[in-house]
Amino acid sequence: MRIKRLSYHRRGVSTVLGTLIFIGILFSAVVPMLLVMKQADTILEQEKLEISRQDDERSREDIDIYAYPVSGSSQLEVKVNSKCEVPVNLIRLWINNTKVPIDITVLPMEQEKILGPYPVPTEIGTDSEFSVKVTSYRGNVYESQSGIIIYDGSEGDWYTENLRVVVIIGSEGSGWWGLFGSYRATLTRDSPYFYDQQSKTWTMGICMFTFDVTETGPGTYHLLVERRTGGWWSPQWSSIYEDDVTITWPGGPSVIEVYL
């Protein structure tokens, strides 16, 4: 009888030990695997969040660049205007197919950041065309708003595709009327004569006017920007900006932007 009791006792101990060993193996193998999987999921979510943040910043990047020749030389300068609330790190500048490594940060809303000058190949008696663009760290590419810049080798003069005056009325300048306003802009010049008046009604957020002055050329123009203050039954216009703007091309950018 005593032997049987001892046998039963040993079997019970063996069962308990086996169960404990199984549980130990389970915890030593499965639990670490679960922890690793959990950590991998966390890393994946962090990567997704980082990619989403980078995509958001990439979409929020917004700058304008204007290339123009340095007076009396065969070099180009590039003016950068930031129109966004994130810093933009420029890493490459392209002049035609020539890559120029750069490392320049344009601060949020920074205006008239000048890059260069950069030498370009020009020859007497030979016409040359140059297109300029820059690449940001986030992968955006911005082309010069001046278009193609042309060097006339026979006359030694510079020409461009575009001469423009651009008026931009943002939310800061328009206030509440930026959502429910009507604006008109008038650009004039006496000699050579130029007159153009544009109007936009019920604009949303940003109102922009573009005046092409390529034919009349560089010089000083008079700009008047007005906002309608009366109702549709009795429209009245109130001046919100009036001043002269000067295009100094080729001694400066071929596009002048006026921010309100």
C-alpha atoms as a PDB file:
ATOM      1  CA  MET A   1       0.000   0.000   0.000  1.00  0.00           C
ATOM      2  CA  ARG A   2       2.808   2.367   0.782  1.00  0.00           C
ATOM      3  CA  ILE A   3       4.448   1.660  -2.569  1.00  0.00           C
ATOM      4  CA  LYS A   4       1.250   2.538  -4.441  1.00  0.00           C
ATOM      5  CA  ARG A   5       0.895   5.785  -2.583  1.00  0.00           C
ATOM      6  CA  LEU A   6       4.502   6.693  -3.430  1.00  0.00           C
ATOM      7  CA  SER A   7       3.873   5.879  -7.096  1.00  0.00           C
ATOM      8  CA  TYR A   8       0.820   8.090  -7.216  1.00  0.00           C
ATOM      9  CA  HIS A   9       2.741  10.861  -5.473  1.00  0.00           C
ATOM     10  CA  ARG A  10       5.605  10.670  -7.974  1.00  0.00           C
ATOM     11  CA  ARG A  11       3.175  10.795 -10.887  1.00  0.00           C
ATOM     12  CA  GLY A  12       1.562  13.943  -9.494  1.00  0.00           C
ATOM     13  CA  VAL A  13       4.914  15.620  -9.049  1.00  0.00           C
ATOM     14  CA  SER A  14       5.920  14.683 -12.606  1.00  0.00           C
ATOM     15  CA  THR A  15       2.725  16.152 -13.981  1.00  0.00           C
ATOM     16  CA  VAL A  16       3.229  19.417 -12.136  1.00  0.00           C
ATOM     17  CA  LEU A  17       6.876  19.633 -13.226  1.00  0.00           C
ATOM     18  CA  GLY A  18       5.916  18.902 -16.825  1.00  0.00           C
ATOM     19  CA  THR A  19       3.285  21.604 -16.729  1.00  0.00           C
ATOM     20  CA  LEU A  20       5.754  24.081 -15.279  1.00  0.00           C
ATOM     21  CA  ILE A  21       8.330  23.216 -17.933  1.00  0.00           C
ATOM     22  CA  PHE A  22       5.732  23.635 -20.669  1.00  0.00           C
ATOM     23  CA  ILE A  23       4.672  27.008 -19.291  1.00  0.00           C
ATOM     24  CA  GLY A  24       8.333  28.045 -19.073  1.00  0.00           C
ATOM     25  CA  ILE A  25       8.921  27.106 -22.690  1.00  0.00           C
ATOM     26  CA  LEU A  26       5.731  28.914 -23.683  1.00  0.00           C
ATOM     27  CA  PHE A  27       6.772  32.127 -21.956  1.00  0.00           C
ATOM     28  CA  SER A  28      10.383  31.917 -23.143  1.00  0.00           C
ATOM     29  CA  ALA A  29       9.386  31.396 -26.797  1.00  0.00           C
ATOM     30  CA  VAL A  30       5.952  32.884 -27.423  1.00  0.00           C
ATOM     31  CA  VAL A  31       6.005  35.941 -25.192  1.00  0.00           C
ATOM     32  CA  PRO A  32       9.296  37.321 -26.616  1.00  0.00           C
ATOM     33  CA  MET A  33       7.898  36.743 -30.095  1.00  0.00           C
ATOM     34  CA  LEU A  34       4.763  38.697 -29.193  1.00  0.00           C
ATOM     35  CA  LEU A  35       6.872  41.493 -27.774  1.00  0.00           C
ATOM     36  CA  VAL A  36       8.998  41.607 -30.934  1.00  0.00           C
ATOM     37  CA  MET A  37       5.849  41.710 -33.091  1.00  0.00           C
ATOM     38  CA  LYS A  38       4.440  44.489 -30.937  1.00  0.00           C
ATOM     39  CA  GLN A  39       7.671  46.444 -31.274  1.00  0.00           C
ATOM     40  CA  ALA A  40       7.653  45.888 -35.038  1.00  0.00           C
ATOM     41  CA  ASP A  41       4.072  47.207 -35.212  1.00  0.00           C
ATOM     42  CA  THR A  42       5.129  50.259 -33.214  1.00  0.00           C
ATOM     43  CA  ILE A  43       8.073  50.912 -35.543  1.00  0.00           C
ATOM     44  CA  LEU A  44       5.782  50.486 -38.562  1.00  0.00           C
ATOM     45  CA  GLU A  45       3.284  52.991 -37.179  1.00  0.00           C
ATOM     46  CA  GLN A  46       6.103  55.433 -36.462  1.00  0.00           C
ATOM     47  CA  GLU A  47       7.364  55.059 -40.039  1.00  0.00           C
ATOM     48  CA  LYS A  48       3.841  55.626 -41.373  1.00  0.00           C
ATOM     49  CA  LEU A  49       3.493  58.729 -39.217  1.00  0.00           C
ATOM     50  CA  GLU A  50       6.878  60.037 -40.365  1.00  0.00           C
ATOM     51  CA  ILE A  51       6.044  59.430 -44.034  1.00  0.00           C
ATOM     52  CA  SER A  52       2.671  61.122 -43.576  1.00  0.00           C
ATOM     53  CA  ARG A  53       4.362  64.097 -41.914  1.00  0.00           C
ATOM     54  CA  GLN A  54       6.928  64.343 -44.734  1.00  0.00           C
ATOM     55  CA  ASP A  55       4.174  64.162 -47.369  1.00  0.00           C
ATOM     56  CA  ASP A  56       2.271  66.885 -45.547  1.00  0.00           C
ATOM     57  CA  GLU A  57       5.344  69.134 -45.379  1.00  0.00           C
ATOM     58  CA  ARG A  58       6.140  68.402 -49.039  1.00  0.00           C
ATOM     59  CA  SER A  59       2.634  69.466 -50.054  1.00  0.00           C
ATOM     60  CA  ARG A  60       2.902  72.628 -47.924  1.00  0.00           C
ATOM     61  CA  GLU A  61       6.157  73.730 -49.558  1.00  0.00           C
ATOM     62  CA  ASP A  62       5.571  76.663 -51.877  1.00  0.00           C
ATOM     63  CA  ILE A  63       8.250  79.008 -53.228  1.00  0.00           C
ATOM     64  CA  ASP A  64       8.777  81.104 -56.349  1.00  0.00           C
ATOM     65  CA  ILE A  65      12.195  81.529 -57.947  1.00  0.00           C
ATOM     66  CA  TYR A  66      13.324  84.145 -60.451  1.00  0.00           C
ATOM     67  CA  ALA A  67      16.601  83.908 -62.354  1.00  0.00           C
ATOM     68  CA  TYR A  68      18.172  87.030 -63.841  1.00  0.00           C
ATOM     69  CA  PRO A  69      21.617  88.064 -65.148  1.00  0.00           C
ATOM     70  CA  VAL A  70      24.061  90.098 -63.095  1.00  0.00           C
ATOM     71  CA  SER A  71      24.555  93.411 -64.854  1.00  0.00           C
ATOM     72  CA  GLY A  72      27.745  93.564 -66.904  1.00  0.00           C
ATOM     73  CA  SER A  73      28.671  89.905 -66.418  1.00  0.00           C
ATOM     74  CA  SER A  74      27.953  86.387 -67.638  1.00  0.00           C
ATOM     75  CA  GLN A  75      26.553  85.281 -64.302  1.00  0.00           C
ATOM     76  CA  LEU A  76      23.058  84.561 -63.062  1.00  0.00           C
ATOM     77  CA  GLU A  77      21.473  85.286 -59.705  1.00  0.00           C
ATOM     78  CA  VAL A  78      18.334  83.612 -58.384  1.00  0.00           C
ATOM     79  CA  LYS A  79      15.800  85.346 -56.150  1.00  0.00           C
ATOM     80  CA  VAL A  80      13.616  83.125 -53.955  1.00  0.00           C
ATOM     81  CA  ASN A  81      10.303  84.129 -52.398  1.00  0.00           C
ATOM     82  CA  SER A  82       8.756  81.788 -49.836  1.00  0.00           C
ATOM     83  CA  LYS A  83       4.967  81.567 -49.770  1.00  0.00           C
ATOM     84  CA  CYS A  84       4.692  78.833 -47.131  1.00  0.00           C
ATOM     85  CA  GLU A  85       4.933  78.382 -43.373  1.00  0.00           C
ATOM     86  CA  VAL A  86       7.609  75.672 -43.395  1.00  0.00           C
ATOM     87  CA  PRO A  87      11.361  76.114 -43.960  1.00  0.00           C
ATOM     88  CA  VAL A  88      12.550  74.970 -47.390  1.00  0.00           C
ATOM     89  CA  ASN A  89      16.015  73.460 -47.717  1.00  0.00           C
ATOM     90  CA  LEU A  90      17.339  73.805 -51.271  1.00  0.00           C
ATOM     91  CA  ILE A  91      19.921  71.179 -52.189  1.00  0.00           C
ATOM     92  CA  ARG A  92      20.439  71.506 -55.967  1.00  0.00           C
ATOM     93  CA  LEU A  93      20.315  74.234 -58.569  1.00  0.00           C
ATOM     94  CA  TRP A  94      20.109  73.373 -62.256  1.00  0.00           C
ATOM     95  CA  ILE A  95      21.196  75.662 -65.082  1.00  0.00           C
ATOM     96  CA  ASN A  96      20.105  73.780 -68.195  1.00  0.00           C
ATOM     97  CA  ASN A  97      21.594  70.318 -67.537  1.00  0.00           C
ATOM     98  CA  THR A  98      24.373  71.495 -65.252  1.00  0.00           C
ATOM     99  CA  LYS A  99      23.875  70.572 -61.598  1.00  0.00           C
ATOM    100  CA  VAL A 100      25.148  72.919 -58.897  1.00  0.00           C
ATOM    101  CA  PRO A 101      25.079  71.433 -55.350  1.00  0.00           C
ATOM    102  CA  ILE A 102      23.824  73.963 -52.794  1.00  0.00           C
ATOM    103  CA  ASP A 103      22.749  73.877 -49.171  1.00  0.00           C
ATOM    104  CA  ILE A 104      20.528  76.884 -48.522  1.00  0.00           C
ATOM    105  CA  THR A 105      17.550  77.136 -46.184  1.00  0.00           C
ATOM    106  CA  VAL A 106      14.731  79.540 -46.998  1.00  0.00           C
ATOM    107  CA  LEU A 107      12.845  80.517 -43.855  1.00  0.00           C
ATOM    108  CA  PRO A 108       9.016  80.547 -43.716  1.00  0.00           C
ATOM    109  CA  MET A 109       7.581  83.510 -45.649  1.00  0.00           C
ATOM    110  CA  GLU A 110      11.104  84.844 -46.314  1.00  0.00           C
ATOM    111  CA  GLN A 111      11.174  87.256 -49.246  1.00  0.00           C
ATOM    112  CA  GLU A 112      13.949  88.096 -51.709  1.00  0.00           C
ATOM    113  CA  LYS A 113      16.469  85.463 -50.675  1.00  0.00           C
ATOM    114  CA  ILE A 114      19.268  85.854 -53.238  1.00  0.00           C
ATOM    115  CA  LEU A 115      21.250  82.823 -54.447  1.00  0.00           C
ATOM    116  CA  GLY A 116      24.471  83.158 -56.390  1.00  0.00           C
ATOM    117  CA  PRO A 117      25.854  84.564 -58.561  1.00  0.00           C
ATOM    118  CA  TYR A 118      26.522  81.496 -60.717  1.00  0.00           C
ATOM    119  CA  PRO A 119      28.662  81.621 -63.893  1.00  0.00           C
ATOM    120  CA  VAL A 120      27.072  80.529 -67.172  1.00  0.00           C
ATOM    121  CA  PRO A 121      28.781  79.912 -70.546  1.00  0.00           C
ATOM    122  CA  THR A 122      28.196  82.837 -72.920  1.00  0.00           C
ATOM    123  CA  GLU A 123      30.139  83.608 -76.090  1.00  0.00           C
ATOM    124  CA  ILE A 124      30.336  86.701 -78.250  1.00  0.00           C
ATOM    125  CA  GLY A 125      28.514  86.106 -81.524  1.00  0.00           C
ATOM    126  CA  THR A 126      26.640  83.079 -80.190  1.00  0.00           C
ATOM    127  CA  ASP A 127      23.110  83.068 -78.810  1.00  0.00           C
ATOM    128  CA  SER A 128      22.574  81.033 -75.633  1.00  0.00           C
ATOM    129  CA  GLU A 129      19.442  79.962 -73.774  1.00  0.00           C
ATOM    130  CA  PHE A 130      19.286  79.118 -70.075  1.00  0.00           C
ATOM    131  CA  SER A 131      16.552  77.554 -67.977  1.00  0.00           C
ATOM    132  CA  VAL A 132      16.924  77.520 -64.203  1.00  0.00           C
ATOM    133  CA  LYS A 133      15.303  75.371 -61.536  1.00  0.00           C
ATOM    134  CA  VAL A 134      16.013  74.282 -57.973  1.00  0.00           C
ATOM    135  CA  THR A 135      15.321  71.077 -56.045  1.00  0.00           C
ATOM    136  CA  SER A 136      14.346  70.956 -52.387  1.00  0.00           C
ATOM    137  CA  TYR A 137      15.323  68.328 -49.814  1.00  0.00           C
ATOM    138  CA  ARG A 138      11.712  67.118 -49.738  1.00  0.00           C
ATOM    139  CA  GLY A 139      11.837  66.376 -53.474  1.00  0.00           C
ATOM    140  CA  ASN A 140       9.946  69.349 -54.933  1.00  0.00           C
ATOM    141  CA  VAL A 141      11.256  70.999 -58.100  1.00  0.00           C
ATOM    142  CA  TYR A 142      10.706  74.706 -58.768  1.00  0.00           C
ATOM    143  CA  GLU A 143      11.296  76.300 -62.174  1.00  0.00           C
ATOM    144  CA  SER A 144      12.197  79.935 -62.641  1.00  0.00           C
ATOM    145  CA  GLN A 145       9.143  82.114 -63.208  1.00  0.00           C
ATOM    146  CA  SER A 146      11.266  84.183 -65.600  1.00  0.00           C
ATOM    147  CA  GLY A 147      11.040  81.405 -68.157  1.00  0.00           C
ATOM    148  CA  ILE A 148      13.948  80.856 -70.537  1.00  0.00           C
ATOM    149  CA  ILE A 149      16.688  83.479 -70.293  1.00  0.00           C
ATOM    150  CA  ILE A 150      18.304  84.318 -73.632  1.00  0.00           C
ATOM    151  CA  TYR A 151      21.750  85.830 -74.207  1.00  0.00           C
ATOM    152  CA  ASP A 152      22.090  87.604 -77.567  1.00  0.00           C
ATOM    153  CA  GLY A 153      25.724  87.061 -78.453  1.00  0.00           C
ATOM    154  CA  SER A 154      25.683  89.540 -81.353  1.00  0.00           C
ATOM    155  CA  GLU A 155      24.496  92.458 -79.215  1.00  0.00           C
ATOM    156  CA  GLY A 156      25.616  91.265 -75.802  1.00  0.00           C
ATOM    157  CA  ASP A 157      22.105  91.751 -74.367  1.00  0.00           C
ATOM    158  CA  TRP A 158      19.879  89.562 -72.225  1.00  0.00           C
ATOM    159  CA  TYR A 159      16.250  88.755 -73.010  1.00  0.00           C
ATOM    160  CA  THR A 160      13.529  86.795 -71.261  1.00  0.00           C
ATOM    161  CA  GLU A 161      10.227  85.185 -72.176  1.00  0.00           C
ATOM    162  CA  ASN A 162       8.201  86.830 -69.414  1.00  0.00           C
ATOM    163  CA  LEU A 163       7.945  90.337 -67.998  1.00  0.00           C
ATOM    164  CA  ARG A 164       5.129  90.429 -65.462  1.00  0.00           C
ATOM    165  CA  VAL A 165       3.703  92.251 -62.469  1.00  0.00           C
ATOM    166  CA  VAL A 166       1.859  89.917 -60.094  1.00  0.00           C
ATOM    167  CA  VAL A 167      -0.444  91.121 -57.316  1.00  0.00           C
ATOM    168  CA  ILE A 168      -1.210  88.658 -54.525  1.00  0.00           C
ATOM    169  CA  ILE A 169      -3.844  89.474 -51.906  1.00  0.00           C
ATOM    170  CA  GLY A 170      -3.573  86.963 -49.064  1.00  0.00           C
ATOM    171  CA  SER A 171      -5.755  86.366 -46.052  1.00  0.00           C
ATOM    172  CA  GLU A 172      -3.656  88.764 -43.954  1.00  0.00           C
ATOM    173  CA  GLY A 173      -4.150  91.611 -46.404  1.00  0.00           C
ATOM    174  CA  SER A 174      -7.783  90.938 -47.200  1.00  0.00           C
ATOM    175  CA  GLY A 175      -9.079  90.087 -43.724  1.00  0.00           C
ATOM    176  CA  TRP A 176     -12.699  88.952 -43.551  1.00  0.00           C
ATOM    177  CA  TRP A 177     -13.282  90.313 -47.056  1.00  0.00           C
ATOM    178  CA  GLY A 178     -10.867  87.673 -48.332  1.00  0.00           C
ATOM    179  CA  LEU A 179     -13.767  85.234 -48.209  1.00  0.00           C
ATOM    180  CA  PHE A 180     -16.535  87.526 -49.438  1.00  0.00           C
ATOM    181  CA  GLY A 181     -14.812  90.306 -51.367  1.00  0.00           C
ATOM    182  CA  SER A 182     -14.485  91.804 -54.793  1.00  0.00           C
ATOM    183  CA  TYR A 183     -11.213  93.332 -55.957  1.00  0.00           C
ATOM    184  CA  ARG A 184      -9.864  95.079 -58.990  1.00  0.00           C
ATOM    185  CA  ALA A 185      -6.323  96.038 -59.943  1.00  0.00           C
ATOM    186  CA  THR A 186      -5.214  98.606 -62.508  1.00  0.00           C
ATOM    187  CA  LEU A 187      -1.702  98.809 -63.955  1.00  0.00           C
ATOM    188  CA  THR A 188      -0.797 101.830 -66.110  1.00  0.00           C
ATOM    189  CA  ARG A 189       2.189 103.469 -67.791  1.00  0.00           C
ATOM    190  CA  ASP A 190       2.428 106.660 -69.812  1.00  0.00           C
ATOM    191  CA  SER A 191       5.381 105.929 -72.104  1.00  0.00           C
ATOM    192  CA  PRO A 192       5.320 103.477 -73.690  1.00  0.00           C
ATOM    193  CA  TYR A 193       1.592 103.434 -73.057  1.00  0.00           C
ATOM    194  CA  PHE A 194       0.170 100.544 -71.076  1.00  0.00           C
ATOM    195  CA  TYR A 195      -3.248 100.081 -69.484  1.00  0.00           C
ATOM    196  CA  ASP A 196      -4.807  96.951 -68.037  1.00  0.00           C
ATOM    197  CA  GLN A 197      -7.567  96.622 -65.458  1.00  0.00           C
ATOM    198  CA  GLN A 198      -8.647  93.298 -63.989  1.00  0.00           C
ATOM    199  CA  SER A 199     -11.319  92.443 -61.447  1.00  0.00           C
ATOM    200  CA  LYS A 200     -12.308  89.349 -59.507  1.00  0.00           C
ATOM    201  CA  THR A 201     -15.516  88.818 -57.585  1.00  0.00           C
ATOM    202  CA  TRP A 202     -16.278  86.605 -54.609  1.00  0.00           C
ATOM    203  CA  THR A 203     -12.730  85.360 -54.264  1.00  0.00           C
ATOM    204  CA  MET A 204     -11.888  82.624 -51.765  1.00  0.00           C
ATOM    205  CA  GLY A 205      -8.903  83.206 -49.505  1.00  0.00           C
ATOM    206  CA  ILE A 206      -6.291  84.400 -52.017  1.00  0.00           C
ATOM    207  CA  CYS A 207      -6.839  86.778 -54.899  1.00  0.00           C
ATOM    208  CA  MET A 208      -4.160  87.091 -57.600  1.00  0.00           C
ATOM    209  CA  PHE A 209      -3.791  89.374 -60.624  1.00  0.00           C
ATOM    210  CA  THR A 210      -1.140  88.859 -63.315  1.00  0.00           C
ATOM    211  CA  PHE A 211      -0.160  91.643 -65.736  1.00  0.00           C
ATOM    212  CA  ASP A 212       1.958  90.727 -68.771  1.00  0.00           C
ATOM    213  CA  VAL A 213       4.172  93.700 -69.698  1.00  0.00           C
ATOM    214  CA  THR A 214       6.530  91.866 -72.053  1.00  0.00           C
ATOM    215  CA  GLU A 215       5.713  94.114 -75.017  1.00  0.00           C
ATOM    216  CA  THR A 216       6.153  97.457 -73.236  1.00  0.00           C
ATOM    217  CA  GLY A 217       9.267  96.216 -71.462  1.00  0.00           C
ATOM    218  CA  PRO A 218      11.032  97.085 -68.220  1.00  0.00           C
ATOM    219  CA  GLY A 219      10.464 100.365 -66.439  1.00  0.00           C
ATOM    220  CA  THR A 220       8.162 101.970 -63.875  1.00  0.00           C
ATOM    221  CA  TYR A 221       4.430 101.237 -63.780  1.00  0.00           C
ATOM    222  CA  HIS A 222       1.689 102.624 -61.546  1.00  0.00           C
ATOM    223  CA  LEU A 223      -0.362 100.069 -59.640  1.00  0.00           C
ATOM    224  CA  LEU A 224      -3.749 100.692 -58.013  1.00  0.00           C
ATOM    225  CA  VAL A 225      -5.546  97.945 -56.079  1.00  0.00           C
ATOM    226  CA  GLU A 226      -9.123  98.507 -54.896  1.00  0.00           C
ATOM    227  CA  ARG A 227     -11.738  96.604 -52.916  1.00  0.00           C
ATOM    228  CA  ARG A 228     -15.468  96.970 -53.413  1.00  0.00           C
ATOM    229  CA  THR A 229     -17.145  98.279 -50.279  1.00  0.00           C
ATOM    230  CA  GLY A 230     -20.650  99.005 -51.517  1.00  0.00           C
ATOM    231  CA  GLY A 231     -23.402  96.499 -52.264  1.00  0.00           C
ATOM    232  CA  TRP A 232     -24.301  95.223 -55.692  1.00  0.00           C
ATOM    233  CA  TRP A 233     -26.970  97.902 -55.954  1.00  0.00           C
ATOM    234  CA  SER A 234     -24.439 100.689 -55.256  1.00  0.00           C
ATOM    235  CA  PRO A 235     -20.860  99.500 -55.844  1.00  0.00           C
ATOM    236  CA  GLN A 236     -18.114 101.677 -54.419  1.00  0.00           C
ATOM    237  CA  TRP A 237     -14.399 101.080 -54.643  1.00  0.00           C
ATOM    238  CA  SER A 238     -11.909 101.814 -51.884  1.00  0.00           C
ATOM    239  CA  SER A 239      -8.156 101.913 -52.503  1.00  0.00           C
ATOM    240  CA  ILE A 240      -6.115  99.420 -50.471  1.00  0.00           C
ATOM    241  CA  TYR A 241      -2.803  99.913 -52.307  1.00  0.00           C
ATOM    242  CA  GLU A 242      -1.382 102.514 -54.678  1.00  0.00           C
ATOM    243  CA  ASP A 243       2.276 102.844 -55.603  1.00  0.00           C
ATOM    244  CA  ASP A 244       4.820 102.595 -58.417  1.00  0.00           C
ATOM    245  CA  VAL A 245       6.459  99.275 -59.251  1.00  0.00           C
ATOM    246  CA  THR A 246       9.668  99.070 -61.254  1.00  0.00           C
ATOM    247  CA  ILE A 247      10.982  96.217 -63.368  1.00  0.00           C
ATOM    248  CA  THR A 248      14.753  96.609 -63.657  1.00  0.00           C
ATOM    249  CA  TRP A 249      15.392  93.667 -66.000  1.00  0.00           C
ATOM    250  CA  PRO A 250      18.070  92.646 -66.900  1.00  0.00           C
ATOM    251  CA  GLY A 251      19.489  94.139 -63.737  1.00  0.00           C
ATOM    252  CA  GLY A 252      16.876  92.329 -61.651  1.00  0.00           C
ATOM    253  CA  PRO A 253      14.024  89.813 -61.800  1.00  0.00           C
ATOM    254  CA  SER A 254      11.684  89.923 -64.788  1.00  0.00           C
ATOM    255  CA  VAL A 255       8.686  89.277 -62.518  1.00  0.00           C
ATOM    256  CA  ILE A 256       7.700  91.685 -59.734  1.00  0.00           C
ATOM    257  CA  GLU A 257       5.376  90.362 -57.023  1.00  0.00           C
ATOM    258  CA  VAL A 258       3.360  92.683 -54.805  1.00  0.00           C
ATOM    259  CA  TYR A 259       1.984  91.051 -51.632  1.00  0.00           C
ATOM    260  CA  LEU A 260      -0.965  92.577 -49.778  1.00  0.00           C
END
